[in-house]
């Protein structure tokens, strides 16, 4: 999954995750892997946080991997061409420990995502980790997209004032 010279490559990470989801390489609910402390309704409540103004994640190196993937997402959003969308999701270089990995990979032209965007991705990843137990064995990617989309549509971070009828927000949701 790593690029040449052991450098991380966000495209390889997303390709690997897509492969896992599309090839159904995840455990199904029939395999008996369940956390009895989590109910299905509790899992969907995780996504409610996407409808509220995002919180700032703690300054921890543990989030560096998410910052790297978010830097790639921020780059894709910036490449769409709307300056307002880019300003909503990116920030200037920072000395925060969150961005240490990203600073080491500047050759890949990744952008520095706002901490709020990192919080959004963290919420989606947390939801995925909890929801995977309850998903059907087939069409996992489609099921996840249909579940998360309504929450992303209402996210204030993705709501660009330049977009007509939330067209920019829908374009950005597809990147997640």
Protein backbone atom coordinates (compact mmCIF):
# COMPACT_ATOMS: atom_id res chain seq x y z
CA UNK A 1 0.00 0.00 0.00
CA UNK A 2 2.97 2.34 0.17
CA UNK A 3 4.44 4.22 -2.73
CA UNK A 4 8.06 4.17 -3.75
CA UNK A 5 10.73 4.65 -1.10
CA UNK A 6 8.23 3.78 1.63
CA UNK A 7 6.40 7.10 1.16
CA UNK A 8 2.67 7.02 1.84
CA UNK A 9 0.43 7.52 -1.15
CA UNK A 10 -3.15 8.65 -0.49
CA UNK A 11 -4.31 7.21 -3.79
CA UNK A 12 -3.03 3.79 -2.75
CA UNK A 13 -4.86 4.07 0.56
CA UNK A 14 -8.15 5.01 -1.06
CA UNK A 15 -7.72 2.33 -3.73
CA UNK A 16 -7.11 -0.28 -1.05
CA UNK A 17 -10.17 0.82 0.92
CA UNK A 18 -12.29 0.80 -2.22
CA UNK A 19 -11.02 -2.69 -3.01
CA UNK A 20 -11.92 -3.90 0.47
CA UNK A 21 -15.42 -2.45 0.23
CA UNK A 22 -16.13 -3.52 -3.37
CA UNK A 23 -14.68 -7.00 -3.00
CA UNK A 24 -16.70 -7.61 0.13
CA UNK A 25 -13.60 -8.43 2.14
CA UNK A 26 -15.22 -7.23 5.34
CA UNK A 27 -16.76 -9.49 7.98
CA UNK A 28 -20.51 -9.89 7.68
CA UNK A 29 -23.01 -9.84 10.49
CA UNK A 30 -23.42 -13.59 10.00
CA UNK A 31 -19.87 -14.23 11.19
CA UNK A 32 -20.80 -13.62 14.80
CA UNK A 33 -18.46 -10.68 15.34
CA UNK A 34 -20.59 -8.34 17.42
CA UNK A 35 -20.12 -5.83 20.17
CA UNK A 36 -23.06 -6.36 22.47
CA UNK A 37 -22.68 -2.86 23.94
CA UNK A 38 -23.59 -1.18 20.65
CA UNK A 39 -27.09 -1.17 19.22
CA UNK A 40 -27.92 -0.43 15.59
CA UNK A 41 -29.76 2.79 16.53
CA UNK A 42 -26.71 4.03 18.45
CA UNK A 43 -24.60 3.61 15.33
CA UNK A 44 -26.73 5.94 13.21
CA UNK A 45 -26.69 8.54 16.00
CA UNK A 46 -22.94 8.91 15.35
CA UNK A 47 -23.78 10.60 12.05
CA UNK A 48 -25.88 13.31 13.71
CA UNK A 49 -22.59 15.04 14.56
CA UNK A 50 -22.14 15.73 10.82
CA UNK A 51 -25.17 18.04 10.84
CA UNK A 52 -23.70 20.24 13.56
CA UNK A 53 -20.74 22.60 13.29
CA UNK A 54 -17.72 20.29 13.45
CA UNK A 55 -15.65 20.15 16.61
CA UNK A 56 -11.90 20.51 16.53
CA UNK A 57 -10.05 17.23 17.03
CA UNK A 58 -7.45 16.95 19.78
CA UNK A 59 -3.86 17.79 18.81
CA UNK A 60 -2.65 14.23 18.73
CA UNK A 61 -0.25 12.43 16.44
CA UNK A 62 -2.79 9.58 16.45
CA UNK A 63 -4.80 11.57 13.90
CA UNK A 64 -1.87 12.00 11.49
CA UNK A 65 -3.10 9.26 9.15
CA UNK A 66 -6.52 10.88 8.91
CA UNK A 67 -4.86 14.24 8.26
CA UNK A 68 -2.99 12.67 5.36
CA UNK A 69 -6.17 11.25 3.78
CA UNK A 70 -7.98 14.52 4.50
CA UNK A 71 -5.14 16.41 2.81
CA UNK A 72 -5.85 14.38 -0.30
CA UNK A 73 -9.60 15.08 -0.05
CA UNK A 74 -8.87 18.80 0.44
CA UNK A 75 -6.66 18.70 -2.66
CA UNK A 76 -9.49 17.12 -4.69
CA UNK A 77 -11.96 19.74 -3.44
CA UNK A 78 -9.52 22.52 -4.33
CA UNK A 79 -8.98 21.01 -7.79
CA UNK A 80 -12.72 21.37 -8.49
CA UNK A 81 -12.05 25.08 -8.99
CA UNK A 82 -14.30 26.92 -6.53
CA UNK A 83 -12.19 29.21 -4.33
CA UNK A 84 -14.93 29.44 -1.69
CA UNK A 85 -15.10 25.65 -1.39
CA UNK A 86 -11.33 25.54 -1.03
CA UNK A 87 -11.39 28.18 1.73
CA UNK A 88 -14.05 26.20 3.62
CA UNK A 89 -11.89 23.07 3.88
CA UNK A 90 -8.24 24.18 3.82
CA UNK A 91 -5.96 26.10 6.15
CA UNK A 92 -2.45 27.51 6.02
CA UNK A 93 0.54 25.52 7.12
CA UNK A 94 0.52 25.02 10.84
CA UNK A 95 2.92 23.81 13.47
CA UNK A 96 0.31 21.55 15.07
CA UNK A 97 1.47 17.96 15.64
CA UNK A 98 -1.58 16.88 13.63
CA UNK A 99 0.10 18.00 10.43
CA UNK A 100 3.54 16.48 10.99
CA UNK A 101 3.04 13.62 8.49
CA UNK A 102 1.59 16.01 5.92
CA UNK A 103 4.60 18.34 6.20
CA UNK A 104 6.86 15.36 5.45
CA UNK A 105 4.91 14.60 2.26
CA UNK A 106 4.76 18.07 0.69
CA UNK A 107 6.12 16.69 -2.57
CA UNK A 108 2.69 15.16 -3.23
CA UNK A 109 1.10 18.64 -3.26
CA UNK A 110 -1.47 17.75 -0.62
CA UNK A 111 -3.35 20.58 1.05
CA UNK A 112 -3.63 21.32 4.74
CA UNK A 113 -7.21 20.46 5.77
CA UNK A 114 -9.02 22.45 8.43
CA UNK A 115 -9.33 20.63 11.75
CA UNK A 116 -13.11 20.67 11.26
CA UNK A 117 -12.72 18.62 8.06
CA UNK A 118 -10.58 16.18 10.00
CA UNK A 119 -13.31 15.92 12.61
CA UNK A 120 -15.85 15.16 9.87
CA UNK A 121 -13.71 12.36 8.43
CA UNK A 122 -13.10 11.01 11.93
CA UNK A 123 -16.87 10.87 12.52
CA UNK A 124 -17.38 8.99 9.25
CA UNK A 125 -14.59 6.51 10.04
CA UNK A 126 -15.96 5.94 13.55
CA UNK A 127 -19.41 5.35 12.09
CA UNK A 128 -18.00 2.91 9.55
CA UNK A 129 -16.13 0.94 12.23
CA UNK A 130 -19.31 0.57 14.27
CA UNK A 131 -21.75 0.08 11.38
CA UNK A 132 -19.79 -2.58 9.50
CA UNK A 133 -21.22 -5.22 11.84
CA UNK A 134 -24.76 -4.39 10.78
CA UNK A 135 -24.25 -4.01 7.04
CA UNK A 136 -25.34 -6.60 4.49
CA UNK A 137 -22.59 -8.69 2.96
CA UNK A 138 -23.23 -7.29 -0.52
CA UNK A 139 -23.32 -3.70 -1.82
CA UNK A 140 -21.44 -2.37 1.20
CA UNK A 141 -20.19 0.76 -0.57
CA UNK A 142 -23.63 1.70 -1.88
CA UNK A 143 -25.22 1.11 1.53
CA UNK A 144 -22.65 3.30 3.26
CA UNK A 145 -23.04 6.09 0.69
CA UNK A 146 -26.83 6.07 0.99
CA UNK A 147 -26.57 6.15 4.78
CA UNK A 148 -24.00 8.96 5.06
CA UNK A 149 -25.17 11.23 2.19
CA UNK A 150 -28.17 12.84 3.95
CA UNK A 151 -25.97 13.82 6.88
CA UNK A 152 -23.26 15.28 4.65
CA UNK A 153 -25.84 17.32 2.71
CA UNK A 154 -26.74 19.14 5.92
CA UNK A 155 -23.14 19.69 7.01
CA UNK A 156 -22.30 23.39 7.45
CA UNK A 157 -18.68 22.73 6.46
CA UNK A 158 -19.64 21.54 2.97
CA UNK A 159 -22.30 24.20 2.36
CA UNK A 160 -20.73 26.60 -0.14
CA UNK A 161 -22.63 29.88 -0.67
CA UNK A 162 -21.48 29.89 -4.32
CA UNK A 163 -23.34 26.66 -5.13
CA UNK A 164 -26.89 26.69 -6.45
CA UNK A 165 -29.24 24.22 -4.75
CA UNK A 166 -26.34 22.75 -2.77
CA UNK A 167 -24.62 21.69 -6.00
CA UNK A 168 -21.16 22.32 -4.55
CA UNK A 169 -22.01 20.41 -1.37
CA UNK A 170 -23.15 17.40 -3.42
CA UNK A 171 -19.95 17.49 -5.46
CA UNK A 172 -17.87 17.52 -2.26
CA UNK A 173 -19.86 14.70 -0.65
CA UNK A 174 -18.99 12.43 -3.54
CA UNK A 175 -15.33 12.80 -2.61
CA UNK A 176 -15.95 11.36 0.83
